[in-house]
Amino acid sequence: MAMKGPGLFSDIGKKAKDLLTRDYTYDQKLTVSTVSASGVPEYHGAFILADKGDTIKVSGVYHLDEKQKASAVAELTRRLSTNESTLTVGGLYTVDPQTTMKARLNNTGTLAALLQHEVKPKSILTISGEFDTKALDRPPKFGLALALKP
């Protein structure tokens, strides 16, 4: 009996080799949430493995009120290849259904803030600013963006 092609076992070997040598680009994420007695989410936490396993991020969001208008946020990022960690804390406040303010500060001294306003449905105007609190001689960065969607 003559065999046609390499056969079943070589196909399995090729698939196993592809699985072991593939360049994985997908991040892995685990999320945990808690809910209050009234059914409103209070806390969200996430553990993220990114950059092909080189970066580990642990983050959490705590909603300060039941309407979720004000939230506190924290994120710890560890990059294994450079042995560096970054801690970022921030907050979010919803002024009205169309306007949101955000601010963050990290352990390297970078302070950033932004204001987002929904001009019309799905069209957002963003004003942002960032500066290094440890290098006040450098000028701050400012940004203005308008995202229009039909």
C-alpha atoms as a PDB file:
ATOM      1  CA  MET A   1       0.000   0.000   0.000  1.00  0.00           C
ATOM      2  CA  ALA A   2       1.501   3.303  -1.044  1.00  0.00           C
ATOM      3  CA  MET A   3       1.268   6.308   1.285  1.00  0.00           C
ATOM      4  CA  LYS A   4       0.161   9.653  -0.037  1.00  0.00           C
ATOM      5  CA  GLY A   5       1.780  12.674   1.664  1.00  0.00           C
ATOM      6  CA  PRO A   6       3.480  12.791   5.052  1.00  0.00           C
ATOM      7  CA  GLY A   7       0.578  11.352   6.999  1.00  0.00           C
ATOM      8  CA  LEU A   8      -1.363  12.149  10.145  1.00  0.00           C
ATOM      9  CA  PHE A   9       1.554  12.178  12.596  1.00  0.00           C
ATOM     10  CA  SER A  10       3.513  14.811  10.726  1.00  0.00           C
ATOM     11  CA  ASP A  11       0.407  17.051  10.691  1.00  0.00           C
ATOM     12  CA  ILE A  12       0.098  16.702  14.483  1.00  0.00           C
ATOM     13  CA  GLY A  13       3.812  17.441  14.894  1.00  0.00           C
ATOM     14  CA  LYS A  14       3.530  20.538  12.713  1.00  0.00           C
ATOM     15  CA  LYS A  15       0.557  21.832  14.731  1.00  0.00           C
ATOM     16  CA  ALA A  16       2.397  21.197  18.017  1.00  0.00           C
ATOM     17  CA  LYS A  17       5.474  23.027  16.696  1.00  0.00           C
ATOM     18  CA  ASP A  18       3.299  25.953  15.613  1.00  0.00           C
ATOM     19  CA  LEU A  19       1.755  26.131  19.100  1.00  0.00           C
ATOM     20  CA  LEU A  20       5.133  26.090  20.830  1.00  0.00           C
ATOM     21  CA  THR A  21       6.925  28.561  18.571  1.00  0.00           C
ATOM     22  CA  ARG A  22       4.094  30.979  17.802  1.00  0.00           C
ATOM     23  CA  ASP A  23       4.667  34.653  18.584  1.00  0.00           C
ATOM     24  CA  TYR A  24       1.815  35.278  21.022  1.00  0.00           C
ATOM     25  CA  THR A  25       0.432  38.792  20.845  1.00  0.00           C
ATOM     26  CA  TYR A  26      -2.692  38.348  22.929  1.00  0.00           C
ATOM     27  CA  ASP A  27      -2.769  39.623  26.497  1.00  0.00           C
ATOM     28  CA  GLN A  28      -4.189  37.525  29.309  1.00  0.00           C
ATOM     29  CA  LYS A  29      -6.618  39.211  31.704  1.00  0.00           C
ATOM     30  CA  LEU A  30      -8.427  38.228  34.901  1.00  0.00           C
ATOM     31  CA  THR A  31     -11.140  40.568  36.221  1.00  0.00           C
ATOM     32  CA  VAL A  32     -12.893  40.549  39.605  1.00  0.00           C
ATOM     33  CA  SER A  33     -15.854  42.743  40.591  1.00  0.00           C
ATOM     34  CA  THR A  34     -17.866  43.285  43.763  1.00  0.00           C
ATOM     35  CA  VAL A  35     -21.463  44.457  43.910  1.00  0.00           C
ATOM     36  CA  SER A  36     -23.221  46.363  46.716  1.00  0.00           C
ATOM     37  CA  ALA A  37     -26.457  45.211  48.344  1.00  0.00           C
ATOM     38  CA  SER A  38     -28.393  47.476  45.974  1.00  0.00           C
ATOM     39  CA  GLY A  39     -26.815  45.772  42.939  1.00  0.00           C
ATOM     40  CA  VAL A  40     -24.451  48.612  42.006  1.00  0.00           C
ATOM     41  CA  PRO A  41     -20.845  47.597  41.206  1.00  0.00           C
ATOM     42  CA  GLU A  42     -18.472  49.028  43.826  1.00  0.00           C
ATOM     43  CA  TYR A  43     -15.050  47.681  42.916  1.00  0.00           C
ATOM     44  CA  HIS A  44     -13.421  46.275  39.795  1.00  0.00           C
ATOM     45  CA  GLY A  45      -9.986  44.696  39.873  1.00  0.00           C
ATOM     46  CA  ALA A  46      -7.884  43.307  37.061  1.00  0.00           C
ATOM     47  CA  PHE A  47      -4.702  41.294  36.693  1.00  0.00           C
ATOM     48  CA  ILE A  48      -3.167  41.603  33.216  1.00  0.00           C
ATOM     49  CA  LEU A  49      -0.195  39.753  31.755  1.00  0.00           C
ATOM     50  CA  ALA A  50       0.963  41.705  28.679  1.00  0.00           C
ATOM     51  CA  ASP A  51       3.900  42.180  26.282  1.00  0.00           C
ATOM     52  CA  LYS A  52       4.464  38.449  25.849  1.00  0.00           C
ATOM     53  CA  GLY A  53       4.694  37.966  29.619  1.00  0.00           C
ATOM     54  CA  ASP A  54       7.133  40.834  30.205  1.00  0.00           C
ATOM     55  CA  THR A  55       4.618  43.201  31.841  1.00  0.00           C
ATOM     56  CA  ILE A  56       2.350  42.496  34.801  1.00  0.00           C
ATOM     57  CA  LYS A  57      -0.399  44.997  35.614  1.00  0.00           C
ATOM     58  CA  VAL A  58      -2.665  44.974  38.645  1.00  0.00           C
ATOM     59  CA  SER A  59      -5.367  47.626  38.669  1.00  0.00           C
ATOM     60  CA  GLY A  60      -8.474  48.529  40.579  1.00  0.00           C
ATOM     61  CA  VAL A  61     -11.364  50.978  40.379  1.00  0.00           C
ATOM     62  CA  TYR A  62     -13.476  51.895  43.391  1.00  0.00           C
ATOM     63  CA  HIS A  63     -16.734  53.772  42.834  1.00  0.00           C
ATOM     64  CA  LEU A  64     -17.185  56.320  45.609  1.00  0.00           C
ATOM     65  CA  ASP A  65     -20.939  56.765  45.178  1.00  0.00           C
ATOM     66  CA  GLU A  66     -23.869  54.665  43.997  1.00  0.00           C
ATOM     67  CA  LYS A  67     -24.403  56.706  40.838  1.00  0.00           C
ATOM     68  CA  GLN A  68     -20.740  56.046  39.919  1.00  0.00           C
ATOM     69  CA  LYS A  69     -20.117  59.766  39.363  1.00  0.00           C
ATOM     70  CA  ALA A  70     -16.830  59.691  41.298  1.00  0.00           C
ATOM     71  CA  SER A  71     -14.233  56.909  41.189  1.00  0.00           C
ATOM     72  CA  ALA A  72     -10.744  56.302  42.534  1.00  0.00           C
ATOM     73  CA  VAL A  73      -8.280  54.292  40.441  1.00  0.00           C
ATOM     74  CA  ALA A  74      -4.908  52.659  41.127  1.00  0.00           C
ATOM     75  CA  GLU A  75      -2.580  50.644  38.883  1.00  0.00           C
ATOM     76  CA  LEU A  76       0.707  48.921  39.585  1.00  0.00           C
ATOM     77  CA  THR A  77       2.780  47.988  36.531  1.00  0.00           C
ATOM     78  CA  ARG A  78       5.868  45.772  36.732  1.00  0.00           C
ATOM     79  CA  ARG A  79       8.132  45.346  33.690  1.00  0.00           C
ATOM     80  CA  LEU A  80      10.253  42.236  34.248  1.00  0.00           C
ATOM     81  CA  SER A  81      12.895  42.882  31.573  1.00  0.00           C
ATOM     82  CA  THR A  82      13.897  46.270  33.019  1.00  0.00           C
ATOM     83  CA  ASN A  83      13.048  45.458  36.660  1.00  0.00           C
ATOM     84  CA  GLU A  84      10.935  48.651  36.895  1.00  0.00           C
ATOM     85  CA  SER A  85       7.656  49.258  38.689  1.00  0.00           C
ATOM     86  CA  THR A  86       5.251  52.154  38.225  1.00  0.00           C
ATOM     87  CA  LEU A  87       2.428  53.056  40.592  1.00  0.00           C
ATOM     88  CA  THR A  88      -0.304  55.304  39.213  1.00  0.00           C
ATOM     89  CA  VAL A  89      -3.245  56.710  41.183  1.00  0.00           C
ATOM     90  CA  GLY A  90      -6.062  58.753  39.770  1.00  0.00           C
ATOM     91  CA  GLY A  91      -9.639  59.784  39.857  1.00  0.00           C
ATOM     92  CA  LEU A  92     -12.627  60.279  37.623  1.00  0.00           C
ATOM     93  CA  TYR A  93     -15.594  62.565  38.127  1.00  0.00           C
ATOM     94  CA  THR A  94     -18.663  62.760  35.911  1.00  0.00           C
ATOM     95  CA  VAL A  95     -19.894  66.351  35.955  1.00  0.00           C
ATOM     96  CA  ASP A  96     -22.972  65.602  33.859  1.00  0.00           C
ATOM     97  CA  PRO A  97     -23.877  62.853  31.362  1.00  0.00           C
ATOM     98  CA  GLN A  98     -21.851  64.620  28.648  1.00  0.00           C
ATOM     99  CA  THR A  99     -18.816  65.815  30.659  1.00  0.00           C
ATOM    100  CA  THR A 100     -16.096  63.821  32.430  1.00  0.00           C
ATOM    101  CA  MET A 101     -12.952  64.956  34.245  1.00  0.00           C
ATOM    102  CA  LYS A 102      -9.980  62.645  34.880  1.00  0.00           C
ATOM    103  CA  ALA A 103      -6.643  63.092  36.660  1.00  0.00           C
ATOM    104  CA  ARG A 104      -3.687  60.811  37.405  1.00  0.00           C
ATOM    105  CA  LEU A 105      -0.309  60.963  39.144  1.00  0.00           C
ATOM    106  CA  ASN A 106       2.416  58.330  39.032  1.00  0.00           C
ATOM    107  CA  ASN A 107       5.502  57.673  41.155  1.00  0.00           C
ATOM    108  CA  THR A 108       7.797  59.182  38.511  1.00  0.00           C
ATOM    109  CA  GLY A 109       6.114  62.551  39.102  1.00  0.00           C
ATOM    110  CA  THR A 110       3.963  62.783  35.990  1.00  0.00           C
ATOM    111  CA  LEU A 111       0.687  64.595  36.652  1.00  0.00           C
ATOM    112  CA  ALA A 112      -1.967  64.556  33.937  1.00  0.00           C
ATOM    113  CA  ALA A 113      -5.563  65.740  33.634  1.00  0.00           C
ATOM    114  CA  LEU A 114      -8.209  65.791  30.954  1.00  0.00           C
ATOM    115  CA  LEU A 115     -11.693  67.064  30.347  1.00  0.00           C
ATOM    116  CA  GLN A 116     -13.972  65.247  27.896  1.00  0.00           C
ATOM    117  CA  HIS A 117     -17.247  66.667  26.642  1.00  0.00           C
ATOM    118  CA  GLU A 118     -19.678  64.948  24.291  1.00  0.00           C
ATOM    119  CA  VAL A 119     -20.583  67.766  21.893  1.00  0.00           C
ATOM    120  CA  LYS A 120     -23.211  65.683  20.120  1.00  0.00           C
ATOM    121  CA  PRO A 121     -23.888  61.939  20.347  1.00  0.00           C
ATOM    122  CA  LYS A 122     -20.634  60.007  19.708  1.00  0.00           C
ATOM    123  CA  SER A 123     -18.644  63.215  19.013  1.00  0.00           C
ATOM    124  CA  ILE A 124     -16.197  64.035  21.805  1.00  0.00           C
ATOM    125  CA  LEU A 125     -14.064  67.095  22.509  1.00  0.00           C
ATOM    126  CA  THR A 126     -11.037  66.391  24.734  1.00  0.00           C
ATOM    127  CA  ILE A 127      -8.738  68.934  26.389  1.00  0.00           C
ATOM    128  CA  SER A 128      -5.713  67.464  28.189  1.00  0.00           C
ATOM    129  CA  GLY A 129      -2.551  68.525  29.937  1.00  0.00           C
ATOM    130  CA  GLU A 130       0.483  66.801  31.446  1.00  0.00           C
ATOM    131  CA  PHE A 131       3.640  67.896  33.206  1.00  0.00           C
ATOM    132  CA  ASP A 132       6.527  66.442  35.171  1.00  0.00           C
ATOM    133  CA  THR A 133       6.379  67.588  38.789  1.00  0.00           C
ATOM    134  CA  LYS A 134      10.043  66.680  39.259  1.00  0.00           C
ATOM    135  CA  ALA A 135      11.219  68.820  36.326  1.00  0.00           C
ATOM    136  CA  LEU A 136       9.287  72.071  36.561  1.00  0.00           C
ATOM    137  CA  ASP A 137      11.753  73.810  34.232  1.00  0.00           C
ATOM    138  CA  ARG A 138      10.355  71.791  31.298  1.00  0.00           C
ATOM    139  CA  PRO A 139       7.212  73.130  29.629  1.00  0.00           C
ATOM    140  CA  PRO A 140       3.961  71.212  30.154  1.00  0.00           C
ATOM    141  CA  LYS A 141       2.228  69.358  27.343  1.00  0.00           C
ATOM    142  CA  PHE A 142      -1.252  70.348  26.241  1.00  0.00           C
ATOM    143  CA  GLY A 143      -3.615  68.598  23.885  1.00  0.00           C
ATOM    144  CA  LEU A 144      -6.864  69.228  22.100  1.00  0.00           C
ATOM    145  CA  ALA A 145      -8.760  66.543  20.229  1.00  0.00           C
ATOM    146  CA  LEU A 146     -12.104  66.394  18.486  1.00  0.00           C
ATOM    147  CA  ALA A 147     -13.464  62.974  17.535  1.00  0.00           C
ATOM    148  CA  LEU A 148     -16.413  63.278  15.155  1.00  0.00           C
ATOM    149  CA  LYS A 149     -18.601  60.333  14.299  1.00  0.00           C
ATOM    150  CA  PRO A 150     -21.624  60.502  12.018  1.00  0.00           C
END
